[in-house]
Amino acid sequence: MDESNALENLVRIGTVTAVNKDKRIAHVKFDDKDGLISDWLAVLDCHPHIHDYDDKEQRTEDAGPDGEGIEKFKKHHHPLVVKPWLPNVGDKVITLFLPVGNGHGFVLGAYQPWQ
């Protein structure tokens, strides 16, 4: 493989065809390579977090829209589960391959067609 061909193949855009959630790996199909499907690619570790976009404190109203008091809100609960990102089958993703010719690569992240 010559240098220019290797460089052209480092970064690719494709569509996820399979995901192994336990191992955090995915297969990606590349339409520009005649539908070639990658070997398993590692999905980069995106640490789960909730970003603080708004510095305003959240508050619970003492009275609801129908005049209920605070008693109605005492049992009000929203469980929150935050997980690291993984692509879904059908997602468009950007991949990065190592320039060593063995097919090892990574899923960097997803993108929307309008981006």
PDB file of N, CA and C in Angstrom:
ATOM      1  N   MET A   1       0.864  -1.180   0.000  1.00  0.00           N
ATOM      2  CA  MET A   1       0.000   0.000   0.000  1.00  0.00           C
ATOM      3  C   MET A   1       0.902   1.232   0.000  1.00  0.00           C
ATOM      4  N   ASP A   2       0.704   2.135  -0.977  1.00  0.00           N
ATOM      5  CA  ASP A   2       1.541   3.338  -1.017  1.00  0.00           C
ATOM      6  C   ASP A   2       1.072   4.364   0.006  1.00  0.00           C
ATOM      7  N   GLU A   3       1.926   5.382   0.228  1.00  0.00           N
ATOM      8  CA  GLU A   3       1.644   6.373   1.276  1.00  0.00           C
ATOM      9  C   GLU A   3       0.342   7.121   1.064  1.00  0.00           C
ATOM     10  N   SER A   4       0.076   7.568  -0.170  1.00  0.00           N
ATOM     11  CA  SER A   4      -1.133   8.364  -0.409  1.00  0.00           C
ATOM     12  C   SER A   4      -2.389   7.535  -0.163  1.00  0.00           C
ATOM     13  N   ASN A   5      -2.371   6.266  -0.549  1.00  0.00           N
ATOM     14  CA  ASN A   5      -3.525   5.400  -0.325  1.00  0.00           C
ATOM     15  C   ASN A   5      -3.733   5.160   1.167  1.00  0.00           C
ATOM     16  N   ALA A   6      -2.644   4.986   1.913  1.00  0.00           N
ATOM     17  CA  ALA A   6      -2.750   4.774   3.359  1.00  0.00           C
ATOM     18  C   ALA A   6      -3.356   5.993   4.030  1.00  0.00           C
ATOM     19  N   LEU A   7      -2.927   7.186   3.638  1.00  0.00           N
ATOM     20  CA  LEU A   7      -3.454   8.416   4.236  1.00  0.00           C
ATOM     21  C   LEU A   7      -4.934   8.600   3.929  1.00  0.00           C
ATOM     22  N   GLU A   8      -5.342   8.253   2.704  1.00  0.00           N
ATOM     23  CA  GLU A   8      -6.751   8.386   2.325  1.00  0.00           C
ATOM     24  C   GLU A   8      -7.647   7.467   3.154  1.00  0.00           C
ATOM     25  N   ASN A   9      -7.103   6.374   3.643  1.00  0.00           N
ATOM     26  CA  ASN A   9      -7.904   5.391   4.371  1.00  0.00           C
ATOM     27  C   ASN A   9      -7.839   5.531   5.885  1.00  0.00           C
ATOM     28  N   LEU A  10      -7.119   6.523   6.401  1.00  0.00           N
ATOM     29  CA  LEU A  10      -7.014   6.687   7.852  1.00  0.00           C
ATOM     30  C   LEU A  10      -8.338   7.098   8.484  1.00  0.00           C
ATOM     31  N   VAL A  11      -8.988   8.089   7.904  1.00  0.00           N
ATOM     32  CA  VAL A  11     -10.259   8.584   8.442  1.00  0.00           C
ATOM     33  C   VAL A  11     -11.355   8.237   7.448  1.00  0.00           C
ATOM     34  N   ARG A  12     -12.378   7.540   7.929  1.00  0.00           N
ATOM     35  CA  ARG A  12     -13.480   7.133   7.053  1.00  0.00           C
ATOM     36  C   ARG A  12     -14.808   7.406   7.741  1.00  0.00           C
ATOM     37  N   ILE A  13     -15.829   7.551   6.911  1.00  0.00           N
ATOM     38  CA  ILE A  13     -17.199   7.699   7.402  1.00  0.00           C
ATOM     39  C   ILE A  13     -17.968   6.463   6.966  1.00  0.00           C
ATOM     40  N   GLY A  14     -18.717   5.880   7.901  1.00  0.00           N
ATOM     41  CA  GLY A  14     -19.473   4.682   7.577  1.00  0.00           C
ATOM     42  C   GLY A  14     -20.722   4.554   8.425  1.00  0.00           C
ATOM     43  N   THR A  15     -21.389   3.420   8.257  1.00  0.00           N
ATOM     44  CA  THR A  15     -22.637   3.138   8.965  1.00  0.00           C
ATOM     45  C   THR A  15     -22.449   1.913   9.851  1.00  0.00           C
ATOM     46  N   VAL A  16     -22.857   2.023  11.103  1.00  0.00           N
ATOM     47  CA  VAL A  16     -22.720   0.921  12.056  1.00  0.00           C
ATOM     48  C   VAL A  16     -23.656  -0.218  11.657  1.00  0.00           C
ATOM     49  N   THR A  17     -23.105  -1.444  11.596  1.00  0.00           N
ATOM     50  CA  THR A  17     -23.912  -2.611  11.245  1.00  0.00           C
ATOM     51  C   THR A  17     -24.102  -3.572  12.416  1.00  0.00           C
ATOM     52  N   ALA A  18     -23.236  -3.485  13.422  1.00  0.00           N
ATOM     53  CA  ALA A  18     -23.362  -4.351  14.606  1.00  0.00           C
ATOM     54  C   ALA A  18     -22.621  -3.708  15.765  1.00  0.00           C
ATOM     55  N   VAL A  19     -23.123  -3.956  16.985  1.00  0.00           N
ATOM     56  CA  VAL A  19     -22.500  -3.406  18.194  1.00  0.00           C
ATOM     57  C   VAL A  19     -22.445  -4.497  19.258  1.00  0.00           C
ATOM     58  N   ASN A  20     -21.297  -4.640  19.898  1.00  0.00           N
ATOM     59  CA  ASN A  20     -21.157  -5.511  21.066  1.00  0.00           C
ATOM     60  C   ASN A  20     -21.014  -4.581  22.261  1.00  0.00           C
ATOM     61  N   LYS A  21     -22.102  -4.414  23.011  1.00  0.00           N
ATOM     62  CA  LYS A  21     -22.123  -3.444  24.112  1.00  0.00           C
ATOM     63  C   LYS A  21     -21.174  -3.827  25.242  1.00  0.00           C
ATOM     64  N   ASP A  22     -21.036  -5.118  25.519  1.00  0.00           N
ATOM     65  CA  ASP A  22     -20.167  -5.550  26.615  1.00  0.00           C
ATOM     66  C   ASP A  22     -18.699  -5.243  26.336  1.00  0.00           C
ATOM     67  N   LYS A  23     -18.281  -5.437  25.082  1.00  0.00           N
ATOM     68  CA  LYS A  23     -16.875  -5.201  24.728  1.00  0.00           C
ATOM     69  C   LYS A  23     -16.623  -3.801  24.185  1.00  0.00           C
ATOM     70  N   ARG A  24     -17.686  -3.014  23.966  1.00  0.00           N
ATOM     71  CA  ARG A  24     -17.592  -1.649  23.420  1.00  0.00           C
ATOM     72  C   ARG A  24     -16.885  -1.654  22.060  1.00  0.00           C
ATOM     73  N   ILE A  25     -17.379  -2.507  21.149  1.00  0.00           N
ATOM     74  CA  ILE A  25     -16.832  -2.603  19.806  1.00  0.00           C
ATOM     75  C   ILE A  25     -17.975  -2.584  18.796  1.00  0.00           C
ATOM     76  N   ALA A  26     -17.645  -2.235  17.545  1.00  0.00           N
ATOM     77  CA  ALA A  26     -18.679  -2.136  16.511  1.00  0.00           C
ATOM     78  C   ALA A  26     -18.117  -2.510  15.143  1.00  0.00           C
ATOM     79  N   HIS A  27     -19.001  -3.042  14.290  1.00  0.00           N
ATOM     80  CA  HIS A  27     -18.691  -3.231  12.872  1.00  0.00           C
ATOM     81  C   HIS A  27     -19.232  -2.012  12.139  1.00  0.00           C
ATOM     82  N   VAL A  28     -18.493  -1.550  11.135  1.00  0.00           N
ATOM     83  CA  VAL A  28     -18.907  -0.383  10.358  1.00  0.00           C
ATOM     84  C   VAL A  28     -18.810  -0.718   8.874  1.00  0.00           C
ATOM     85  N   LYS A  29     -19.855  -0.350   8.122  1.00  0.00           N
ATOM     86  CA  LYS A  29     -19.900  -0.568   6.672  1.00  0.00           C
ATOM     87  C   LYS A  29     -19.511   0.726   5.970  1.00  0.00           C
ATOM     88  N   PHE A  30     -18.625   0.603   4.959  1.00  0.00           N
ATOM     89  CA  PHE A  30     -18.152   1.767   4.216  1.00  0.00           C
ATOM     90  C   PHE A  30     -18.668   1.696   2.785  1.00  0.00           C
ATOM     91  N   ASP A  31     -19.665   2.535   2.474  1.00  0.00           N
ATOM     92  CA  ASP A  31     -20.260   2.531   1.138  1.00  0.00           C
ATOM     93  C   ASP A  31     -19.261   2.955   0.070  1.00  0.00           C
ATOM     94  N   ASP A  32     -18.316   3.837   0.427  1.00  0.00           N
ATOM     95  CA  ASP A  32     -17.328   4.288  -0.555  1.00  0.00           C
ATOM     96  C   ASP A  32     -16.282   3.215  -0.853  1.00  0.00           C
ATOM     97  N   LYS A  33     -16.321   2.111  -0.143  1.00  0.00           N
ATOM     98  CA  LYS A  33     -15.414   0.973  -0.363  1.00  0.00           C
ATOM     99  C   LYS A  33     -16.217  -0.251  -0.790  1.00  0.00           C
ATOM    100  N   ASP A  34     -17.240  -0.017  -1.629  1.00  0.00           N
ATOM    101  CA  ASP A  34     -18.096  -1.087  -2.151  1.00  0.00           C
ATOM    102  C   ASP A  34     -18.768  -1.915  -1.057  1.00  0.00           C
ATOM    103  N   GLY A  35     -19.178  -1.243   0.024  1.00  0.00           N
ATOM    104  CA  GLY A  35     -19.900  -1.926   1.087  1.00  0.00           C
ATOM    105  C   GLY A  35     -19.024  -2.751   2.017  1.00  0.00           C
ATOM    106  N   LEU A  36     -17.715  -2.519   1.986  1.00  0.00           N
ATOM    107  CA  LEU A  36     -16.787  -3.227   2.871  1.00  0.00           C
ATOM    108  C   LEU A  36     -17.206  -3.049   4.327  1.00  0.00           C
ATOM    109  N   ILE A  37     -17.224  -4.145   5.081  1.00  0.00           N
ATOM    110  CA  ILE A  37     -17.554  -4.086   6.509  1.00  0.00           C
ATOM    111  C   ILE A  37     -16.274  -4.322   7.298  1.00  0.00           C
ATOM    112  N   SER A  38     -16.020  -3.444   8.232  1.00  0.00           N
ATOM    113  CA  SER A  38     -14.801  -3.507   9.036  1.00  0.00           C
ATOM    114  C   SER A  38     -14.791  -4.719   9.953  1.00  0.00           C
ATOM    115  N   ASP A  39     -13.611  -5.021  10.454  1.00  0.00           N
ATOM    116  CA  ASP A  39     -13.481  -5.940  11.576  1.00  0.00           C
ATOM    117  C   ASP A  39     -14.037  -5.187  12.783  1.00  0.00           C
ATOM    118  N   TRP A  40     -14.028  -5.780  13.956  1.00  0.00           N
ATOM    119  CA  TRP A  40     -14.513  -5.079  15.140  1.00  0.00           C
ATOM    120  C   TRP A  40     -13.620  -3.880  15.418  1.00  0.00           C
ATOM    121  N   LEU A  41     -14.229  -2.708  15.585  1.00  0.00           N
ATOM    122  CA  LEU A  41     -13.512  -1.474  15.904  1.00  0.00           C
ATOM    123  C   LEU A  41     -13.848  -1.064  17.331  1.00  0.00           C
ATOM    124  N   ALA A  42     -12.846  -0.644  18.069  1.00  0.00           N
ATOM    125  CA  ALA A  42     -13.064  -0.183  19.442  1.00  0.00           C
ATOM    126  C   ALA A  42     -13.790   1.156  19.423  1.00  0.00           C
ATOM    127  N   VAL A  43     -14.796   1.299  20.277  1.00  0.00           N
ATOM    128  CA  VAL A  43     -15.504   2.570  20.427  1.00  0.00           C
ATOM    129  C   VAL A  43     -14.785   3.352  21.520  1.00  0.00           C
ATOM    130  N   LEU A  44     -14.392   4.589  21.207  1.00  0.00           N
ATOM    131  CA  LEU A  44     -13.682   5.393  22.196  1.00  0.00           C
ATOM    132  C   LEU A  44     -14.496   5.523  23.471  1.00  0.00           C
ATOM    133  N   ASP A  45     -13.803   5.552  24.579  1.00  0.00           N
ATOM    134  CA  ASP A  45     -14.450   5.662  25.886  1.00  0.00           C
ATOM    135  C   ASP A  45     -14.865   7.104  26.127  1.00  0.00           C
ATOM    136  N   CYS A  46     -16.152   7.328  26.188  1.00  0.00           N
ATOM    137  CA  CYS A  46     -16.698   8.653  26.489  1.00  0.00           C
ATOM    138  C   CYS A  46     -17.226   8.589  27.914  1.00  0.00           C
ATOM    139  N   HIS A  47     -16.552   9.256  28.809  1.00  0.00           N
ATOM    140  CA  HIS A  47     -16.945   9.181  30.213  1.00  0.00           C
ATOM    141  C   HIS A  47     -18.326   9.796  30.418  1.00  0.00           C
ATOM    142  N   PRO A  48     -19.212   9.081  31.123  1.00  0.00           N
ATOM    143  CA  PRO A  48     -20.562   9.604  31.336  1.00  0.00           C
ATOM    144  C   PRO A  48     -20.545  10.787  32.290  1.00  0.00           C
ATOM    145  N   HIS A  49     -21.299  11.791  31.929  1.00  0.00           N
ATOM    146  CA  HIS A  49     -21.461  12.940  32.822  1.00  0.00           C
ATOM    147  C   HIS A  49     -22.670  13.743  32.372  1.00  0.00           C
ATOM    148  N   ILE A  50     -23.148  14.569  33.264  1.00  0.00           N
ATOM    149  CA  ILE A  50     -24.226  15.494  32.935  1.00  0.00           C
ATOM    150  C   ILE A  50     -23.621  16.881  33.029  1.00  0.00           C
ATOM    151  N   HIS A  51     -23.575  17.555  31.915  1.00  0.00           N
ATOM    152  CA  HIS A  51     -22.959  18.872  31.869  1.00  0.00           C
ATOM    153  C   HIS A  51     -23.874  19.906  32.506  1.00  0.00           C
ATOM    154  N   ASP A  52     -23.308  20.813  33.266  1.00  0.00           N
ATOM    155  CA  ASP A  52     -24.071  21.876  33.914  1.00  0.00           C
ATOM    156  C   ASP A  52     -24.170  23.057  32.952  1.00  0.00           C
ATOM    157  N   TYR A  53     -25.206  23.062  32.113  1.00  0.00           N
ATOM    158  CA  TYR A  53     -25.370  24.131  31.139  1.00  0.00           C
ATOM    159  C   TYR A  53     -26.002  25.371  31.752  1.00  0.00           C
ATOM    160  N   ASP A  54     -26.760  25.175  32.804  1.00  0.00           N
ATOM    161  CA  ASP A  54     -27.509  26.280  33.386  1.00  0.00           C
ATOM    162  C   ASP A  54     -27.156  26.382  34.858  1.00  0.00           C
ATOM    163  N   ASP A  55     -26.692  27.550  35.274  1.00  0.00           N
ATOM    164  CA  ASP A  55     -26.289  27.691  36.672  1.00  0.00           C
ATOM    165  C   ASP A  55     -27.457  28.070  37.583  1.00  0.00           C
ATOM    166  N   LYS A  56     -28.671  28.131  37.024  1.00  0.00           N
ATOM    167  CA  LYS A  56     -29.845  28.420  37.854  1.00  0.00           C
ATOM    168  C   LYS A  56     -30.233  27.164  38.626  1.00  0.00           C
ATOM    169  N   GLU A  57     -30.556  27.328  39.887  1.00  0.00           N
ATOM    170  CA  GLU A  57     -30.973  26.188  40.698  1.00  0.00           C
ATOM    171  C   GLU A  57     -32.346  25.701  40.273  1.00  0.00           C
ATOM    172  N   GLN A  58     -32.522  24.382  40.290  1.00  0.00           N
ATOM    173  CA  GLN A  58     -33.859  23.842  40.057  1.00  0.00           C
ATOM    174  C   GLN A  58     -34.644  23.966  41.346  1.00  0.00           C
ATOM    175  N   ARG A  59     -35.942  24.114  41.203  1.00  0.00           N
ATOM    176  CA  ARG A  59     -36.754  24.231  42.407  1.00  0.00           C
ATOM    177  C   ARG A  59     -38.084  23.522  42.193  1.00  0.00           C
ATOM    178  N   THR A  60     -38.706  23.142  43.265  1.00  0.00           N
ATOM    179  CA  THR A  60     -40.027  22.526  43.235  1.00  0.00           C
ATOM    180  C   THR A  60     -41.024  23.552  43.738  1.00  0.00           C
ATOM    181  N   GLU A  61     -42.062  23.732  42.966  1.00  0.00           N
ATOM    182  CA  GLU A  61     -43.085  24.705  43.353  1.00  0.00           C
ATOM    183  C   GLU A  61     -43.866  24.196  44.559  1.00  0.00           C
ATOM    184  N   ASP A  62     -44.273  25.120  45.409  1.00  0.00           N
ATOM    185  CA  ASP A  62     -45.088  24.747  46.571  1.00  0.00           C
ATOM    186  C   ASP A  62     -46.517  24.403  46.176  1.00  0.00           C
ATOM    187  N   ALA A  63     -46.949  24.881  45.030  1.00  0.00           N
ATOM    188  CA  ALA A  63     -48.314  24.602  44.579  1.00  0.00           C
ATOM    189  C   ALA A  63     -48.277  24.229  43.108  1.00  0.00           C
ATOM    190  N   GLY A  64     -49.005  23.180  42.766  1.00  0.00           N
ATOM    191  CA  GLY A  64     -49.061  22.749  41.384  1.00  0.00           C
ATOM    192  C   GLY A  64     -50.073  23.557  40.592  1.00  0.00           C
ATOM    193  N   PRO A  65     -50.218  23.260  39.310  1.00  0.00           N
ATOM    194  CA  PRO A  65     -51.135  24.009  38.455  1.00  0.00           C
ATOM    195  C   PRO A  65     -52.598  23.871  38.862  1.00  0.00           C
ATOM    196  N   ASP A  66     -52.930  22.785  39.550  1.00  0.00           N
ATOM    197  CA  ASP A  66     -54.313  22.575  39.983  1.00  0.00           C
ATOM    198  C   ASP A  66     -54.509  22.935  41.446  1.00  0.00           C
ATOM    199  N   GLY A  67     -53.549  23.658  42.031  1.00  0.00           N
ATOM    200  CA  GLY A  67     -53.679  24.088  43.414  1.00  0.00           C
ATOM    201  C   GLY A  67     -53.218  23.070  44.438  1.00  0.00           C
ATOM    202  N   GLU A  68     -52.582  21.952  43.979  1.00  0.00           N
ATOM    203  CA  GLU A  68     -52.103  20.957  44.931  1.00  0.00           C
ATOM    204  C   GLU A  68     -50.991  21.572  45.776  1.00  0.00           C
ATOM    205  N   GLY A  69     -50.817  21.050  46.952  1.00  0.00           N
ATOM    206  CA  GLY A  69     -49.744  21.520  47.820  1.00  0.00           C
ATOM    207  C   GLY A  69     -48.478  20.705  47.646  1.00  0.00           C
ATOM    208  N   ILE A  70     -47.513  20.953  48.495  1.00  0.00           N
ATOM    209  CA  ILE A  70     -46.215  20.293  48.419  1.00  0.00           C
ATOM    210  C   ILE A  70     -46.318  18.783  48.635  1.00  0.00           C
ATOM    211  N   GLU A  71     -47.385  18.309  49.266  1.00  0.00           N
ATOM    212  CA  GLU A  71     -47.563  16.871  49.505  1.00  0.00           C
ATOM    213  C   GLU A  71     -47.541  16.085  48.194  1.00  0.00           C
ATOM    214  N   LYS A  72     -48.099  16.668  47.135  1.00  0.00           N
ATOM    215  CA  LYS A  72     -48.133  15.968  45.853  1.00  0.00           C
ATOM    216  C   LYS A  72     -46.721  15.741  45.318  1.00  0.00           C
ATOM    217  N   PHE A  73     -45.796  16.633  45.640  1.00  0.00           N
ATOM    218  CA  PHE A  73     -44.450  16.545  45.093  1.00  0.00           C
ATOM    219  C   PHE A  73     -43.526  15.652  45.913  1.00  0.00           C
ATOM    220  N   LYS A  74     -43.893  15.279  47.132  1.00  0.00           N
ATOM    221  CA  LYS A  74     -43.015  14.474  47.983  1.00  0.00           C
ATOM    222  C   LYS A  74     -42.708  13.115  47.368  1.00  0.00           C
ATOM    223  N   LYS A  75     -43.675  12.516  46.681  1.00  0.00           N
ATOM    224  CA  LYS A  75     -43.466  11.200  46.077  1.00  0.00           C
ATOM    225  C   LYS A  75     -42.936  11.316  44.647  1.00  0.00           C
ATOM    226  N   HIS A  76     -42.769  12.515  44.175  1.00  0.00           N
ATOM    227  CA  HIS A  76     -42.305  12.755  42.808  1.00  0.00           C
ATOM    228  C   HIS A  76     -40.821  12.395  42.707  1.00  0.00           C
ATOM    229  N   HIS A  77     -40.492  11.452  41.805  1.00  0.00           N
ATOM    230  CA  HIS A  77     -39.114  10.979  41.715  1.00  0.00           C
ATOM    231  C   HIS A  77     -38.795  10.607  40.268  1.00  0.00           C
ATOM    232  N   HIS A  78     -37.636  11.010  39.796  1.00  0.00           N
ATOM    233  CA  HIS A  78     -37.157  10.629  38.466  1.00  0.00           C
ATOM    234  C   HIS A  78     -35.824   9.919  38.620  1.00  0.00           C
ATOM    235  N   PRO A  79     -35.767   8.605  38.397  1.00  0.00           N
ATOM    236  CA  PRO A  79     -34.467   7.933  38.458  1.00  0.00           C
ATOM    237  C   PRO A  79     -33.605   8.398  37.282  1.00  0.00           C
ATOM    238  N   LEU A  80     -32.333   8.519  37.509  1.00  0.00           N
ATOM    239  CA  LEU A  80     -31.418   8.989  36.481  1.00  0.00           C
ATOM    240  C   LEU A  80     -30.348   7.935  36.254  1.00  0.00           C
ATOM    241  N   VAL A  81     -30.243   7.466  35.011  1.00  0.00           N
ATOM    242  CA  VAL A  81     -29.221   6.498  34.650  1.00  0.00           C
ATOM    243  C   VAL A  81     -28.377   7.132  33.552  1.00  0.00           C
ATOM    244  N   VAL A  82     -27.089   7.257  33.804  1.00  0.00           N
ATOM    245  CA  VAL A  82     -26.180   7.854  32.829  1.00  0.00           C
ATOM    246  C   VAL A  82     -25.189   6.777  32.403  1.00  0.00           C
ATOM    247  N   LYS A  83     -25.069   6.558  31.103  1.00  0.00           N
ATOM    248  CA  LYS A  83     -24.169   5.532  30.577  1.00  0.00           C
ATOM    249  C   LYS A  83     -23.247   6.161  29.536  1.00  0.00           C
ATOM    250  N   PRO A  84     -22.077   5.556  29.314  1.00  0.00           N
ATOM    251  CA  PRO A  84     -21.206   6.047  28.243  1.00  0.00           C
ATOM    252  C   PRO A  84     -21.891   5.856  26.888  1.00  0.00           C
ATOM    253  N   TRP A  85     -21.567   6.712  25.936  1.00  0.00           N
ATOM    254  CA  TRP A  85     -22.157   6.639  24.609  1.00  0.00           C
ATOM    255  C   TRP A  85     -21.663   5.400  23.876  1.00  0.00           C
ATOM    256  N   LEU A  86     -22.576   4.763  23.178  1.00  0.00           N
ATOM    257  CA  LEU A  86     -22.274   3.698  22.228  1.00  0.00           C
ATOM    258  C   LEU A  86     -23.123   3.957  20.995  1.00  0.00           C
ATOM    259  N   PRO A  87     -22.600   3.646  19.808  1.00  0.00           N
ATOM    260  CA  PRO A  87     -23.416   3.860  18.615  1.00  0.00           C
ATOM    261  C   PRO A  87     -24.522   2.811  18.524  1.00  0.00           C
ATOM    262  N   ASN A  88     -25.565   3.151  17.808  1.00  0.00           N
ATOM    263  CA  ASN A  88     -26.643   2.214  17.495  1.00  0.00           C
ATOM    264  C   ASN A  88     -26.457   1.730  16.068  1.00  0.00           C
ATOM    265  N   VAL A  89     -26.978   0.549  15.765  1.00  0.00           N
ATOM    266  CA  VAL A  89     -26.961   0.063  14.389  1.00  0.00           C
ATOM    267  C   VAL A  89     -27.687   1.085  13.527  1.00  0.00           C
ATOM    268  N   GLY A  90     -27.072   1.471  12.418  1.00  0.00           N
ATOM    269  CA  GLY A  90     -27.648   2.469  11.523  1.00  0.00           C
ATOM    270  C   GLY A  90     -27.070   3.860  11.710  1.00  0.00           C
ATOM    271  N   ASP A  91     -26.374   4.108  12.818  1.00  0.00           N
ATOM    272  CA  ASP A  91     -25.750   5.423  13.041  1.00  0.00           C
ATOM    273  C   ASP A  91     -24.617   5.649  12.051  1.00  0.00           C
ATOM    274  N   LYS A  92     -24.495   6.875  11.582  1.00  0.00           N
ATOM    275  CA  LYS A  92     -23.340   7.288  10.780  1.00  0.00           C
ATOM    276  C   LYS A  92     -22.228   7.646  11.754  1.00  0.00           C
ATOM    277  N   VAL A  93     -21.024   7.095  11.531  1.00  0.00           N
ATOM    278  CA  VAL A  93     -19.917   7.344  12.445  1.00  0.00           C
ATOM    279  C   VAL A  93     -18.652   7.727  11.685  1.00  0.00           C
ATOM    280  N   ILE A  94     -17.750   8.365  12.406  1.00  0.00           N
ATOM    281  CA  ILE A  94     -16.429   8.695  11.887  1.00  0.00           C
ATOM    282  C   ILE A  94     -15.452   7.719  12.524  1.00  0.00           C
ATOM    283  N   THR A  95     -14.602   7.111  11.687  1.00  0.00           N
ATOM    284  CA  THR A  95     -13.645   6.131  12.184  1.00  0.00           C
ATOM    285  C   THR A  95     -12.221   6.593  11.894  1.00  0.00           C
ATOM    286  N   LEU A  96     -11.298   6.097  12.682  1.00  0.00           N
ATOM    287  CA  LEU A  96      -9.875   6.380  12.502  1.00  0.00           C
ATOM    288  C   LEU A  96      -9.135   5.054  12.529  1.00  0.00           C
ATOM    289  N   PHE A  97      -8.328   4.811  11.495  1.00  0.00           N
ATOM    290  CA  PHE A  97      -7.563   3.568  11.406  1.00  0.00           C
ATOM    291  C   PHE A  97      -6.086   3.847  11.623  1.00  0.00           C
ATOM    292  N   LEU A  98      -5.399   2.888  12.230  1.00  0.00           N
ATOM    293  CA  LEU A  98      -3.954   2.994  12.407  1.00  0.00           C
ATOM    294  C   LEU A  98      -3.279   2.789  11.049  1.00  0.00           C
ATOM    295  N   PRO A  99      -2.193   3.504  10.773  1.00  0.00           N
ATOM    296  CA  PRO A  99      -1.560   3.427   9.450  1.00  0.00           C
ATOM    297  C   PRO A  99      -0.609   2.237   9.305  1.00  0.00           C
ATOM    298  N   VAL A 100      -0.965   1.102   9.865  1.00  0.00           N
ATOM    299  CA  VAL A 100      -0.077  -0.057   9.813  1.00  0.00           C
ATOM    300  C   VAL A 100      -0.600  -1.169   8.912  1.00  0.00           C
ATOM    301  N   GLY A 101      -1.749  -0.957   8.288  1.00  0.00           N
ATOM    302  CA  GLY A 101      -2.257  -1.909   7.313  1.00  0.00           C
ATOM    303  C   GLY A 101      -2.908  -3.159   7.882  1.00  0.00           C
ATOM    304  N   ASN A 102      -3.133  -3.227   9.192  1.00  0.00           N
ATOM    305  CA  ASN A 102      -3.742  -4.429   9.763  1.00  0.00           C
ATOM    306  C   ASN A 102      -5.227  -4.267  10.063  1.00  0.00           C
ATOM    307  N   GLY A 103      -5.798  -3.115   9.740  1.00  0.00           N
ATOM    308  CA  GLY A 103      -7.229  -2.901   9.927  1.00  0.00           C
ATOM    309  C   GLY A 103      -7.653  -2.477  11.313  1.00  0.00           C
ATOM    310  N   HIS A 104      -6.697  -2.312  12.241  1.00  0.00           N
ATOM    311  CA  HIS A 104      -7.067  -1.857  13.583  1.00  0.00           C
ATOM    312  C   HIS A 104      -7.523  -0.407  13.523  1.00  0.00           C
ATOM    313  N   GLY A 105      -8.652  -0.142  14.160  1.00  0.00           N
ATOM    314  CA  GLY A 105      -9.169   1.215  14.142  1.00  0.00           C
ATOM    315  C   GLY A 105     -10.126   1.460  15.285  1.00  0.00           C
ATOM    316  N   PHE A 106     -10.706   2.655  15.254  1.00  0.00           N
ATOM    317  CA  PHE A 106     -11.553   3.121  16.345  1.00  0.00           C
ATOM    318  C   PHE A 106     -12.768   3.849  15.796  1.00  0.00           C
ATOM    319  N   VAL A 107     -13.878   3.759  16.505  1.00  0.00           N
ATOM    320  CA  VAL A 107     -15.042   4.596  16.224  1.00  0.00           C
ATOM    321  C   VAL A 107     -14.872   5.842  17.084  1.00  0.00           C
ATOM    322  N   LEU A 108     -14.730   7.003  16.428  1.00  0.00           N
ATOM    323  CA  LEU A 108     -14.501   8.252  17.155  1.00  0.00           C
ATOM    324  C   LEU A 108     -15.792   8.847  17.690  1.00  0.00           C
ATOM    325  N   GLY A 109     -16.870   8.721  16.931  1.00  0.00           N
ATOM    326  CA  GLY A 109     -18.140   9.288  17.352  1.00  0.00           C
ATOM    327  C   GLY A 109     -19.125   9.290  16.203  1.00  0.00           C
ATOM    328  N   ALA A 110     -20.346   9.669  16.508  1.00  0.00           N
ATOM    329  CA  ALA A 110     -21.406   9.724  15.501  1.00  0.00           C
ATOM    330  C   ALA A 110     -21.551  11.144  14.989  1.00  0.00           C
ATOM    331  N   TYR A 111     -22.176  11.273  13.846  1.00  0.00           N
ATOM    332  CA  TYR A 111     -22.490  12.597  13.329  1.00  0.00           C
ATOM    333  C   TYR A 111     -23.844  12.539  12.641  1.00  0.00           C
ATOM    334  N   GLN A 112     -24.460  13.691  12.554  1.00  0.00           N
ATOM    335  CA  GLN A 112     -25.748  13.800  11.883  1.00  0.00           C
ATOM    336  C   GLN A 112     -25.504  14.240  10.444  1.00  0.00           C
ATOM    337  N   PRO A 113     -26.307  13.773   9.507  1.00  0.00           N
ATOM    338  CA  PRO A 113     -26.090  14.107   8.093  1.00  0.00           C
ATOM    339  C   PRO A 113     -26.051  15.606   7.813  1.00  0.00           C
ATOM    340  N   TRP A 114     -26.722  16.418   8.608  1.00  0.00           N
ATOM    341  CA  TRP A 114     -26.743  17.855   8.354  1.00  0.00           C
ATOM    342  C   TRP A 114     -25.513  18.561   8.919  1.00  0.00           C
ATOM    343  N   GLN A 115     -24.664  17.863   9.653  1.00  0.00           N
ATOM    344  CA  GLN A 115     -23.479  18.506  10.225  1.00  0.00           C
ATOM    345  C   GLN A 115     -22.409  18.672   9.179  1.00  0.00           C
TER     346      GLN A 115
END
